[in-house]
């Protein structure tokens, strides 16, 4: 019997994302225990997808590359131990690490990453929700122990992850400072709820933060950028501050200085939602559901592209990393 096939975007080599991807016909993934075959309805297109196509992402050390970390879809087949039944509308991670990325008609989804789509979220809003809002809540609430009234500095506030952190921090009662380098991105951060937007490379940035905090400094840094932005952020910390390492959009990871941490009394904490335990996961789901119901969070979708338009979507995302970019797929059947 002929194995079923599907269409998937993939690249045989690293390079310019919009140039190296090709739409190929490939076998439908075969899933094992703890996994499900998911018919993709929407796929997130974010910075990690660009980085893996360029050869800059540590979890994809060599081509071929099949981008698409996160998807919304419907469970078509469930392996033993997968936590959700066939027919469930799910959001979760795709197996891009083994060549089954989510920019495809079908993908494999591990059970640990799978959640039913939260009530009130469209496919477009839900597709990046785990990798942005879940991470923000795990980081700010469970890792940094953010308290109402504290000041949070979000590095890269206009990005998908940063904009989620602005909204979650505001919902937790914080004052939020965001960083942005263009007027358009600054306006976007303000629309997410930021109380102050600064360019940390500007000479007046530290003074603006000092004025906002009455000389106290920031209590929590949510770092999606790394590199020079991390170094600049450590200059405006309050005593006892917590710095969350979330990503490295600059292409250079943060380089914590242990001596500086000791002498100035702050902590640096790695933040990945995949390391949460069951109690943290349940708490995050309940908290985000309550925030959504109360209108405190509203995932911003800034660009939607059809499946055939992936190269153009990659090019647009490379030019403007604000908010959430989504690729939508039409319903397909196994062939």
C-alpha atoms as a PDB file:
ATOM      1  CA  UNK A   1       0.000   0.000   0.000  1.00  0.00           C
ATOM      2  CA  UNK A   2       1.340   3.415  -0.966  1.00  0.00           C
ATOM      3  CA  UNK A   3       2.290   5.616   2.007  1.00  0.00           C
ATOM      4  CA  UNK A   4       0.218   8.824   2.316  1.00  0.00           C
ATOM      5  CA  UNK A   5       1.929  12.031   1.221  1.00  0.00           C
ATOM      6  CA  UNK A   6       1.538  15.723   1.989  1.00  0.00           C
ATOM      7  CA  UNK A   7       3.075  19.120   1.230  1.00  0.00           C
ATOM      8  CA  UNK A   8       5.717  20.674   3.490  1.00  0.00           C
ATOM      9  CA  UNK A   9       8.008  23.690   3.270  1.00  0.00           C
ATOM     10  CA  UNK A  10      11.646  22.758   3.830  1.00  0.00           C
ATOM     11  CA  UNK A  11      15.181  23.799   2.980  1.00  0.00           C
ATOM     12  CA  UNK A  12      18.068  21.608   1.871  1.00  0.00           C
ATOM     13  CA  UNK A  13      20.633  24.206   2.927  1.00  0.00           C
ATOM     14  CA  UNK A  14      21.068  27.192   5.223  1.00  0.00           C
ATOM     15  CA  UNK A  15      20.704  30.674   3.756  1.00  0.00           C
ATOM     16  CA  UNK A  16      18.290  33.530   3.197  1.00  0.00           C
ATOM     17  CA  UNK A  17      15.008  32.093   4.565  1.00  0.00           C
ATOM     18  CA  UNK A  18      12.843  33.359   1.712  1.00  0.00           C
ATOM     19  CA  UNK A  19      15.257  31.958  -0.867  1.00  0.00           C
ATOM     20  CA  UNK A  20      16.104  28.496   0.483  1.00  0.00           C
ATOM     21  CA  UNK A  21      12.627  27.140   1.334  1.00  0.00           C
ATOM     22  CA  UNK A  22      10.869  24.914  -1.178  1.00  0.00           C
ATOM     23  CA  UNK A  23       7.400  23.369  -1.152  1.00  0.00           C
ATOM     24  CA  UNK A  24       7.979  19.631  -1.360  1.00  0.00           C
ATOM     25  CA  UNK A  25       5.785  16.540  -1.435  1.00  0.00           C
ATOM     26  CA  UNK A  26       6.878  14.230   1.383  1.00  0.00           C
ATOM     27  CA  UNK A  27       5.528  11.262   3.357  1.00  0.00           C
ATOM     28  CA  UNK A  28       3.109  12.039   6.163  1.00  0.00           C
ATOM     29  CA  UNK A  29       4.937  11.677   9.521  1.00  0.00           C
ATOM     30  CA  UNK A  30       4.585   8.377  11.366  1.00  0.00           C
ATOM     31  CA  UNK A  31       3.994   9.036  15.054  1.00  0.00           C
ATOM     32  CA  UNK A  32       4.983   6.905  18.015  1.00  0.00           C
ATOM     33  CA  UNK A  33       3.995   6.583  21.641  1.00  0.00           C
ATOM     34  CA  UNK A  34       3.231   9.894  23.328  1.00  0.00           C
ATOM     35  CA  UNK A  35       2.797  11.705  19.997  1.00  0.00           C
ATOM     36  CA  UNK A  36      -0.089  12.596  17.703  1.00  0.00           C
ATOM     37  CA  UNK A  37      -0.453  13.185  13.997  1.00  0.00           C
ATOM     38  CA  UNK A  38      -2.008  16.648  13.751  1.00  0.00           C
ATOM     39  CA  UNK A  39      -3.726  18.115  10.697  1.00  0.00           C
ATOM     40  CA  UNK A  40      -2.387  21.660  10.686  1.00  0.00           C
ATOM     41  CA  UNK A  41      -4.837  24.573  10.543  1.00  0.00           C
ATOM     42  CA  UNK A  42      -2.383  27.364  11.364  1.00  0.00           C
ATOM     43  CA  UNK A  43       1.371  27.618  11.899  1.00  0.00           C
ATOM     44  CA  UNK A  44       3.320  30.291  13.709  1.00  0.00           C
ATOM     45  CA  UNK A  45       6.134  31.990  11.864  1.00  0.00           C
ATOM     46  CA  UNK A  46       8.548  33.589  14.300  1.00  0.00           C
ATOM     47  CA  UNK A  47      12.180  34.530  14.830  1.00  0.00           C
ATOM     48  CA  UNK A  48      13.327  30.963  15.654  1.00  0.00           C
ATOM     49  CA  UNK A  49      12.085  29.842  12.229  1.00  0.00           C
ATOM     50  CA  UNK A  50      14.206  32.508  10.541  1.00  0.00           C
ATOM     51  CA  UNK A  51      17.191  31.595  12.689  1.00  0.00           C
ATOM     52  CA  UNK A  52      16.987  27.871  11.953  1.00  0.00           C
ATOM     53  CA  UNK A  53      16.840  28.545   8.201  1.00  0.00           C
ATOM     54  CA  UNK A  54      19.900  30.793   8.478  1.00  0.00           C
ATOM     55  CA  UNK A  55      21.805  28.177  10.475  1.00  0.00           C
ATOM     56  CA  UNK A  56      21.760  30.242  13.680  1.00  0.00           C
ATOM     57  CA  UNK A  57      19.509  28.056  15.855  1.00  0.00           C
ATOM     58  CA  UNK A  58      21.218  25.574  18.221  1.00  0.00           C
ATOM     59  CA  UNK A  59      18.405  22.985  18.045  1.00  0.00           C
ATOM     60  CA  UNK A  60      18.851  22.659  14.250  1.00  0.00           C
ATOM     61  CA  UNK A  61      22.604  22.166  13.804  1.00  0.00           C
ATOM     62  CA  UNK A  62      22.509  20.969  10.196  1.00  0.00           C
ATOM     63  CA  UNK A  63      20.159  20.963   7.198  1.00  0.00           C
ATOM     64  CA  UNK A  64      17.686  19.853   5.976  1.00  0.00           C
ATOM     65  CA  UNK A  65      15.445  22.316   7.803  1.00  0.00           C
ATOM     66  CA  UNK A  66      11.670  22.095   8.207  1.00  0.00           C
ATOM     67  CA  UNK A  67      10.592  25.307   9.980  1.00  0.00           C
ATOM     68  CA  UNK A  68       7.455  25.856  12.009  1.00  0.00           C
ATOM     69  CA  UNK A  69       7.800  25.438  15.761  1.00  0.00           C
ATOM     70  CA  UNK A  70       4.174  25.876  16.802  1.00  0.00           C
ATOM     71  CA  UNK A  71       0.862  24.905  15.262  1.00  0.00           C
ATOM     72  CA  UNK A  72      -2.859  24.815  15.836  1.00  0.00           C
ATOM     73  CA  UNK A  73      -4.535  21.775  14.368  1.00  0.00           C
ATOM     74  CA  UNK A  74      -6.799  18.795  14.867  1.00  0.00           C
ATOM     75  CA  UNK A  75      -5.610  15.459  16.257  1.00  0.00           C
ATOM     76  CA  UNK A  76      -5.877  12.981  13.369  1.00  0.00           C
ATOM     77  CA  UNK A  77      -4.208   9.986  15.023  1.00  0.00           C
ATOM     78  CA  UNK A  78      -3.056   9.604  18.617  1.00  0.00           C
ATOM     79  CA  UNK A  79      -0.226   7.328  19.703  1.00  0.00           C
ATOM     80  CA  UNK A  80      -0.292   5.441  22.995  1.00  0.00           C
ATOM     81  CA  UNK A  81      -0.062   7.849  25.899  1.00  0.00           C
ATOM     82  CA  UNK A  82      -0.963  11.007  23.971  1.00  0.00           C
ATOM     83  CA  UNK A  83      -3.060  13.015  26.462  1.00  0.00           C
ATOM     84  CA  UNK A  84      -5.846  14.220  24.131  1.00  0.00           C
ATOM     85  CA  UNK A  85      -8.346  12.303  21.945  1.00  0.00           C
ATOM     86  CA  UNK A  86      -8.690  12.257  18.178  1.00  0.00           C
ATOM     87  CA  UNK A  87     -10.664  15.266  16.962  1.00  0.00           C
ATOM     88  CA  UNK A  88      -9.343  17.692  19.606  1.00  0.00           C
ATOM     89  CA  UNK A  89      -8.384  21.181  18.399  1.00  0.00           C
ATOM     90  CA  UNK A  90      -4.907  21.528  19.853  1.00  0.00           C
ATOM     91  CA  UNK A  91      -2.051  23.978  20.075  1.00  0.00           C
ATOM     92  CA  UNK A  92       1.480  22.793  20.624  1.00  0.00           C
ATOM     93  CA  UNK A  93       4.948  22.210  19.288  1.00  0.00           C
ATOM     94  CA  UNK A  94       5.839  20.536  16.006  1.00  0.00           C
ATOM     95  CA  UNK A  95       8.786  18.149  15.661  1.00  0.00           C
ATOM     96  CA  UNK A  96      10.959  20.527  13.649  1.00  0.00           C
ATOM     97  CA  UNK A  97      13.956  18.995  15.412  1.00  0.00           C
ATOM     98  CA  UNK A  98      13.463  15.694  13.561  1.00  0.00           C
ATOM     99  CA  UNK A  99      12.348  17.163  10.244  1.00  0.00           C
ATOM    100  CA  UNK A 100       8.597  17.369  10.879  1.00  0.00           C
ATOM    101  CA  UNK A 101       8.137  21.123  11.243  1.00  0.00           C
ATOM    102  CA  UNK A 102       4.746  22.784  11.350  1.00  0.00           C
ATOM    103  CA  UNK A 103       4.811  24.576   7.986  1.00  0.00           C
ATOM    104  CA  UNK A 104       3.158  21.502   6.543  1.00  0.00           C
ATOM    105  CA  UNK A 105      -0.241  19.936   6.000  1.00  0.00           C
ATOM    106  CA  UNK A 106       0.444  17.465   8.836  1.00  0.00           C
ATOM    107  CA  UNK A 107       2.943  17.346  11.659  1.00  0.00           C
ATOM    108  CA  UNK A 108       3.901  15.227  14.633  1.00  0.00           C
ATOM    109  CA  UNK A 109       3.135  16.786  18.038  1.00  0.00           C
ATOM    110  CA  UNK A 110       4.616  15.495  21.319  1.00  0.00           C
ATOM    111  CA  UNK A 111       2.090  15.075  24.112  1.00  0.00           C
ATOM    112  CA  UNK A 112       4.006  17.176  26.620  1.00  0.00           C
ATOM    113  CA  UNK A 113       3.579  20.245  24.389  1.00  0.00           C
ATOM    114  CA  UNK A 114      -0.095  19.743  23.491  1.00  0.00           C
ATOM    115  CA  UNK A 115      -2.961  21.766  24.954  1.00  0.00           C
ATOM    116  CA  UNK A 116      -6.593  22.152  23.943  1.00  0.00           C
ATOM    117  CA  UNK A 117      -7.041  25.579  22.363  1.00  0.00           C
ATOM    118  CA  UNK A 118      -8.214  27.966  25.070  1.00  0.00           C
ATOM    119  CA  UNK A 119     -11.794  29.168  24.737  1.00  0.00           C
ATOM    120  CA  UNK A 120     -11.973  32.609  23.162  1.00  0.00           C
ATOM    121  CA  UNK A 121      -8.871  32.267  20.982  1.00  0.00           C
ATOM    122  CA  UNK A 122      -8.993  32.102  17.193  1.00  0.00           C
ATOM    123  CA  UNK A 123      -6.552  29.836  15.363  1.00  0.00           C
ATOM    124  CA  UNK A 124      -4.494  32.923  14.518  1.00  0.00           C
ATOM    125  CA  UNK A 125      -4.282  34.029  18.161  1.00  0.00           C
ATOM    126  CA  UNK A 126      -3.800  30.551  19.584  1.00  0.00           C
ATOM    127  CA  UNK A 127      -0.965  29.381  17.349  1.00  0.00           C
ATOM    128  CA  UNK A 128       1.771  31.334  19.149  1.00  0.00           C
ATOM    129  CA  UNK A 129       0.101  31.408  22.559  1.00  0.00           C
ATOM    130  CA  UNK A 130       2.147  28.672  24.225  1.00  0.00           C
ATOM    131  CA  UNK A 131       5.497  30.028  23.031  1.00  0.00           C
ATOM    132  CA  UNK A 132       4.674  33.573  24.092  1.00  0.00           C
ATOM    133  CA  UNK A 133       2.008  33.921  26.792  1.00  0.00           C
ATOM    134  CA  UNK A 134       2.772  30.631  28.544  1.00  0.00           C
ATOM    135  CA  UNK A 135       6.463  31.503  28.599  1.00  0.00           C
ATOM    136  CA  UNK A 136       5.713  35.007  29.881  1.00  0.00           C
ATOM    137  CA  UNK A 137       3.608  33.715  32.770  1.00  0.00           C
ATOM    138  CA  UNK A 138       6.057  30.963  33.687  1.00  0.00           C
ATOM    139  CA  UNK A 139       8.916  33.465  33.655  1.00  0.00           C
ATOM    140  CA  UNK A 140       7.306  36.429  35.369  1.00  0.00           C
ATOM    141  CA  UNK A 141       5.162  34.577  37.898  1.00  0.00           C
ATOM    142  CA  UNK A 142       6.903  31.270  38.597  1.00  0.00           C
ATOM    143  CA  UNK A 143      10.559  32.164  38.025  1.00  0.00           C
ATOM    144  CA  UNK A 144      10.813  35.857  38.912  1.00  0.00           C
ATOM    145  CA  UNK A 145       7.988  35.805  41.496  1.00  0.00           C
ATOM    146  CA  UNK A 146       6.816  39.171  40.192  1.00  0.00           C
ATOM    147  CA  UNK A 147       4.833  41.210  42.714  1.00  0.00           C
ATOM    148  CA  UNK A 148       2.204  43.851  41.980  1.00  0.00           C
ATOM    149  CA  UNK A 149       3.787  47.297  41.942  1.00  0.00           C
ATOM    150  CA  UNK A 150       7.201  46.123  40.739  1.00  0.00           C
ATOM    151  CA  UNK A 151       8.813  47.442  37.563  1.00  0.00           C
ATOM    152  CA  UNK A 152       9.451  45.126  34.612  1.00  0.00           C
ATOM    153  CA  UNK A 153      11.791  45.961  31.739  1.00  0.00           C
ATOM    154  CA  UNK A 154      10.918  44.001  28.577  1.00  0.00           C
ATOM    155  CA  UNK A 155      13.761  43.879  26.048  1.00  0.00           C
ATOM    156  CA  UNK A 156      12.356  43.588  22.534  1.00  0.00           C
ATOM    157  CA  UNK A 157       8.847  44.610  23.493  1.00  0.00           C
ATOM    158  CA  UNK A 158       7.488  44.649  19.943  1.00  0.00           C
ATOM    159  CA  UNK A 159       8.309  41.008  19.254  1.00  0.00           C
ATOM    160  CA  UNK A 160       5.839  38.187  19.719  1.00  0.00           C
ATOM    161  CA  UNK A 161       7.378  37.066  23.007  1.00  0.00           C
ATOM    162  CA  UNK A 162       8.047  40.574  24.277  1.00  0.00           C
ATOM    163  CA  UNK A 163       4.546  41.858  23.543  1.00  0.00           C
ATOM    164  CA  UNK A 164       3.087  38.913  25.460  1.00  0.00           C
ATOM    165  CA  UNK A 165       5.351  39.742  28.406  1.00  0.00           C
ATOM    166  CA  UNK A 166       4.100  43.351  28.409  1.00  0.00           C
ATOM    167  CA  UNK A 167       0.487  42.196  28.588  1.00  0.00           C
ATOM    168  CA  UNK A 168       1.078  39.525  31.236  1.00  0.00           C
ATOM    169  CA  UNK A 169       3.196  41.843  33.393  1.00  0.00           C
ATOM    170  CA  UNK A 170       0.462  44.493  33.294  1.00  0.00           C
ATOM    171  CA  UNK A 171      -2.147  41.868  34.204  1.00  0.00           C
ATOM    172  CA  UNK A 172       0.039  40.901  37.198  1.00  0.00           C
ATOM    173  CA  UNK A 173       0.029  44.517  38.380  1.00  0.00           C
ATOM    174  CA  UNK A 174       3.479  45.663  37.255  1.00  0.00           C
ATOM    175  CA  UNK A 175       4.689  48.918  35.781  1.00  0.00           C
ATOM    176  CA  UNK A 176       6.213  48.051  32.392  1.00  0.00           C
ATOM    177  CA  UNK A 177       9.116  49.608  30.517  1.00  0.00           C
ATOM    178  CA  UNK A 178       9.662  48.219  27.011  1.00  0.00           C
ATOM    179  CA  UNK A 179      12.495  48.706  24.566  1.00  0.00           C
ATOM    180  CA  UNK A 180      12.041  49.523  20.886  1.00  0.00           C
ATOM    181  CA  UNK A 181      14.267  51.112  18.233  1.00  0.00           C
ATOM    182  CA  UNK A 182      11.686  52.592  15.886  1.00  0.00           C
ATOM    183  CA  UNK A 183       8.682  54.851  16.362  1.00  0.00           C
ATOM    184  CA  UNK A 184       6.363  52.213  14.884  1.00  0.00           C
ATOM    185  CA  UNK A 185       7.584  49.556  17.297  1.00  0.00           C
ATOM    186  CA  UNK A 186       7.309  52.009  20.184  1.00  0.00           C
ATOM    187  CA  UNK A 187       3.662  52.647  19.295  1.00  0.00           C
ATOM    188  CA  UNK A 188       3.074  48.902  19.128  1.00  0.00           C
ATOM    189  CA  UNK A 189       4.545  48.460  22.627  1.00  0.00           C
ATOM    190  CA  UNK A 190       2.349  51.240  23.961  1.00  0.00           C
ATOM    191  CA  UNK A 191      -0.687  49.545  22.430  1.00  0.00           C
ATOM    192  CA  UNK A 192       0.202  46.391  24.404  1.00  0.00           C
ATOM    193  CA  UNK A 193       0.171  48.414  27.622  1.00  0.00           C
ATOM    194  CA  UNK A 194       3.758  49.583  28.153  1.00  0.00           C
ATOM    195  CA  UNK A 195       3.981  52.567  30.511  1.00  0.00           C
ATOM    196  CA  UNK A 196       7.281  53.751  29.023  1.00  0.00           C
ATOM    197  CA  UNK A 197       9.133  52.825  25.835  1.00  0.00           C
ATOM    198  CA  UNK A 198      12.849  53.534  25.481  1.00  0.00           C
ATOM    199  CA  UNK A 199      15.752  52.786  23.168  1.00  0.00           C
ATOM    200  CA  UNK A 200      18.423  51.512  25.556  1.00  0.00           C
ATOM    201  CA  UNK A 201      21.155  52.702  23.207  1.00  0.00           C
ATOM    202  CA  UNK A 202      19.913  56.301  23.523  1.00  0.00           C
ATOM    203  CA  UNK A 203      21.761  58.506  26.033  1.00  0.00           C
ATOM    204  CA  UNK A 204      18.556  59.517  27.827  1.00  0.00           C
ATOM    205  CA  UNK A 205      17.185  55.980  28.353  1.00  0.00           C
ATOM    206  CA  UNK A 206      18.665  55.390  31.810  1.00  0.00           C
ATOM    207  CA  UNK A 207      17.469  58.811  32.947  1.00  0.00           C
ATOM    208  CA  UNK A 208      13.928  58.107  31.756  1.00  0.00           C
ATOM    209  CA  UNK A 209      13.868  54.810  33.664  1.00  0.00           C
ATOM    210  CA  UNK A 210      15.335  56.503  36.729  1.00  0.00           C
ATOM    211  CA  UNK A 211      12.621  59.173  36.597  1.00  0.00           C
ATOM    212  CA  UNK A 212       9.828  56.615  36.204  1.00  0.00           C
ATOM    213  CA  UNK A 213      11.052  54.525  39.130  1.00  0.00           C
ATOM    214  CA  UNK A 214      12.060  57.434  41.404  1.00  0.00           C
ATOM    215  CA  UNK A 215      15.631  56.180  41.341  1.00  0.00           C
ATOM    216  CA  UNK A 216      14.688  52.628  42.365  1.00  0.00           C
ATOM    217  CA  UNK A 217      15.512  50.915  39.067  1.00  0.00           C
ATOM    218  CA  UNK A 218      13.816  47.900  37.502  1.00  0.00           C
ATOM    219  CA  UNK A 219      12.930  44.802  39.512  1.00  0.00           C
ATOM    220  CA  UNK A 220      12.605  42.283  36.686  1.00  0.00           C
ATOM    221  CA  UNK A 221      14.144  42.171  33.203  1.00  0.00           C
ATOM    222  CA  UNK A 222      12.485  40.009  30.555  1.00  0.00           C
ATOM    223  CA  UNK A 223      15.261  39.551  28.001  1.00  0.00           C
ATOM    224  CA  UNK A 224      14.313  38.297  24.555  1.00  0.00           C
ATOM    225  CA  UNK A 225      17.271  40.044  22.877  1.00  0.00           C
ATOM    226  CA  UNK A 226      20.578  39.226  24.601  1.00  0.00           C
ATOM    227  CA  UNK A 227      23.867  40.805  23.498  1.00  0.00           C
ATOM    228  CA  UNK A 228      24.336  44.528  24.114  1.00  0.00           C
ATOM    229  CA  UNK A 229      20.719  44.961  25.231  1.00  0.00           C
ATOM    230  CA  UNK A 230      21.305  42.589  28.144  1.00  0.00           C
ATOM    231  CA  UNK A 231      24.426  44.484  29.167  1.00  0.00           C
ATOM    232  CA  UNK A 232      22.580  47.828  29.009  1.00  0.00           C
ATOM    233  CA  UNK A 233      19.679  46.444  31.051  1.00  0.00           C
ATOM    234  CA  UNK A 234      21.940  45.397  33.920  1.00  0.00           C
ATOM    235  CA  UNK A 235      22.898  49.060  34.383  1.00  0.00           C
ATOM    236  CA  UNK A 236      19.365  50.005  35.500  1.00  0.00           C
ATOM    237  CA  UNK A 237      18.647  47.188  37.954  1.00  0.00           C
ATOM    238  CA  UNK A 238      17.251  47.607  41.441  1.00  0.00           C
ATOM    239  CA  UNK A 239      18.825  45.694  44.301  1.00  0.00           C
ATOM    240  CA  UNK A 240      17.432  42.158  44.357  1.00  0.00           C
ATOM    241  CA  UNK A 241      16.426  42.312  40.688  1.00  0.00           C
ATOM    242  CA  UNK A 242      15.745  39.165  38.671  1.00  0.00           C
ATOM    243  CA  UNK A 243      16.850  38.934  35.038  1.00  0.00           C
ATOM    244  CA  UNK A 244      14.955  36.374  32.933  1.00  0.00           C
ATOM    245  CA  UNK A 245      16.838  35.004  29.925  1.00  0.00           C
ATOM    246  CA  UNK A 246      14.179  34.159  27.338  1.00  0.00           C
ATOM    247  CA  UNK A 247      15.869  34.485  23.941  1.00  0.00           C
ATOM    248  CA  UNK A 248      18.614  36.079  21.880  1.00  0.00           C
ATOM    249  CA  UNK A 249      16.969  37.962  19.018  1.00  0.00           C
ATOM    250  CA  UNK A 250      20.192  39.924  18.544  1.00  0.00           C
ATOM    251  CA  UNK A 251      21.930  36.716  17.512  1.00  0.00           C
ATOM    252  CA  UNK A 252      24.227  36.913  20.545  1.00  0.00           C
ATOM    253  CA  UNK A 253      23.227  35.287  23.849  1.00  0.00           C
ATOM    254  CA  UNK A 254      23.450  37.283  27.067  1.00  0.00           C
ATOM    255  CA  UNK A 255      26.797  36.995  28.880  1.00  0.00           C
ATOM    256  CA  UNK A 256      26.102  37.209  32.627  1.00  0.00           C
ATOM    257  CA  UNK A 257      28.944  38.516  34.772  1.00  0.00           C
ATOM    258  CA  UNK A 258      29.043  36.499  38.003  1.00  0.00           C
ATOM    259  CA  UNK A 259      31.113  39.127  39.809  1.00  0.00           C
ATOM    260  CA  UNK A 260      28.641  41.859  38.871  1.00  0.00           C
ATOM    261  CA  UNK A 261      25.724  39.686  40.014  1.00  0.00           C
ATOM    262  CA  UNK A 262      27.432  39.168  43.370  1.00  0.00           C
ATOM    263  CA  UNK A 263      28.454  42.759  44.013  1.00  0.00           C
ATOM    264  CA  UNK A 264      25.153  44.312  42.869  1.00  0.00           C
ATOM    265  CA  UNK A 265      22.815  41.658  44.296  1.00  0.00           C
ATOM    266  CA  UNK A 266      20.753  40.416  41.349  1.00  0.00           C
ATOM    267  CA  UNK A 267      19.886  37.023  39.882  1.00  0.00           C
ATOM    268  CA  UNK A 268      19.896  35.699  36.314  1.00  0.00           C
ATOM    269  CA  UNK A 269      17.372  32.954  35.539  1.00  0.00           C
ATOM    270  CA  UNK A 270      16.897  30.831  32.425  1.00  0.00           C
ATOM    271  CA  UNK A 271      13.291  30.683  31.273  1.00  0.00           C
ATOM    272  CA  UNK A 272      11.836  27.879  29.173  1.00  0.00           C
ATOM    273  CA  UNK A 273       8.231  26.798  29.653  1.00  0.00           C
ATOM    274  CA  UNK A 274       9.146  23.196  28.816  1.00  0.00           C
ATOM    275  CA  UNK A 275      10.838  22.913  32.222  1.00  0.00           C
ATOM    276  CA  UNK A 276       7.653  23.648  34.193  1.00  0.00           C
ATOM    277  CA  UNK A 277       6.159  20.972  36.410  1.00  0.00           C
ATOM    278  CA  UNK A 278       2.501  19.888  36.378  1.00  0.00           C
ATOM    279  CA  UNK A 279       1.465  22.294  39.139  1.00  0.00           C
ATOM    280  CA  UNK A 280       3.068  25.246  37.344  1.00  0.00           C
ATOM    281  CA  UNK A 281       1.447  24.232  34.075  1.00  0.00           C
ATOM    282  CA  UNK A 282      -2.006  24.018  35.649  1.00  0.00           C
ATOM    283  CA  UNK A 283      -1.556  27.343  37.427  1.00  0.00           C
ATOM    284  CA  UNK A 284      -0.443  29.037  34.210  1.00  0.00           C
ATOM    285  CA  UNK A 285      -3.397  27.682  32.238  1.00  0.00           C
ATOM    286  CA  UNK A 286      -5.849  28.851  34.889  1.00  0.00           C
ATOM    287  CA  UNK A 287      -4.231  32.261  35.241  1.00  0.00           C
ATOM    288  CA  UNK A 288      -4.071  32.937  31.494  1.00  0.00           C
ATOM    289  CA  UNK A 289      -7.650  31.761  31.034  1.00  0.00           C
ATOM    290  CA  UNK A 290      -8.768  34.218  33.723  1.00  0.00           C
ATOM    291  CA  UNK A 291      -6.736  37.042  32.136  1.00  0.00           C
ATOM    292  CA  UNK A 292      -8.255  36.276  28.745  1.00  0.00           C
ATOM    293  CA  UNK A 293     -11.798  36.211  30.129  1.00  0.00           C
ATOM    294  CA  UNK A 294     -11.217  39.512  31.906  1.00  0.00           C
ATOM    295  CA  UNK A 295      -9.857  41.154  28.763  1.00  0.00           C
ATOM    296  CA  UNK A 296      -6.434  41.698  30.354  1.00  0.00           C
ATOM    297  CA  UNK A 297      -4.611  39.923  27.538  1.00  0.00           C
ATOM    298  CA  UNK A 298      -5.348  39.935  23.813  1.00  0.00           C
ATOM    299  CA  UNK A 299      -2.770  38.186  21.579  1.00  0.00           C
ATOM    300  CA  UNK A 300      -1.886  40.560  18.729  1.00  0.00           C
ATOM    301  CA  UNK A 301      -1.902  39.089  15.218  1.00  0.00           C
ATOM    302  CA  UNK A 302      -0.047  41.410  12.863  1.00  0.00           C
ATOM    303  CA  UNK A 303       0.211  39.390   9.650  1.00  0.00           C
ATOM    304  CA  UNK A 304      -1.648  36.406   8.158  1.00  0.00           C
ATOM    305  CA  UNK A 305      -0.439  34.560   5.045  1.00  0.00           C
ATOM    306  CA  UNK A 306      -1.781  31.614   3.050  1.00  0.00           C
ATOM    307  CA  UNK A 307       0.229  28.397   2.936  1.00  0.00           C
ATOM    308  CA  UNK A 308       1.437  29.028  -0.621  1.00  0.00           C
ATOM    309  CA  UNK A 309       2.863  32.405   0.426  1.00  0.00           C
ATOM    310  CA  UNK A 310       5.475  31.173   2.936  1.00  0.00           C
ATOM    311  CA  UNK A 311       8.544  32.695   1.182  1.00  0.00           C
ATOM    312  CA  UNK A 312       6.879  36.138   1.194  1.00  0.00           C
ATOM    313  CA  UNK A 313       5.835  35.617   4.817  1.00  0.00           C
ATOM    314  CA  UNK A 314       9.448  34.839   5.762  1.00  0.00           C
ATOM    315  CA  UNK A 315      10.695  37.944   3.963  1.00  0.00           C
ATOM    316  CA  UNK A 316       8.104  40.129   5.683  1.00  0.00           C
ATOM    317  CA  UNK A 317       8.885  38.668   9.096  1.00  0.00           C
ATOM    318  CA  UNK A 318      12.584  39.359   8.561  1.00  0.00           C
ATOM    319  CA  UNK A 319      11.762  43.023   7.904  1.00  0.00           C
ATOM    320  CA  UNK A 320       9.224  43.488  10.714  1.00  0.00           C
ATOM    321  CA  UNK A 321       9.275  41.256  13.792  1.00  0.00           C
ATOM    322  CA  UNK A 322       6.317  42.909  15.534  1.00  0.00           C
ATOM    323  CA  UNK A 323       3.596  40.723  17.003  1.00  0.00           C
ATOM    324  CA  UNK A 324       2.467  37.388  15.603  1.00  0.00           C
ATOM    325  CA  UNK A 325       2.845  36.205  11.996  1.00  0.00           C
ATOM    326  CA  UNK A 326       0.569  33.312  11.037  1.00  0.00           C
ATOM    327  CA  UNK A 327       0.406  30.925   8.093  1.00  0.00           C
ATOM    328  CA  UNK A 328      -3.095  29.509   7.482  1.00  0.00           C
ATOM    329  CA  UNK A 329      -3.780  26.176   5.817  1.00  0.00           C
ATOM    330  CA  UNK A 330      -6.902  25.042   4.018  1.00  0.00           C
ATOM    331  CA  UNK A 331      -8.443  21.729   5.196  1.00  0.00           C
ATOM    332  CA  UNK A 332      -6.716  18.717   3.630  1.00  0.00           C
ATOM    333  CA  UNK A 333      -7.271  14.979   3.653  1.00  0.00           C
ATOM    334  CA  UNK A 334      -4.657  12.224   3.755  1.00  0.00           C
ATOM    335  CA  UNK A 335      -3.779  11.099   0.230  1.00  0.00           C
END
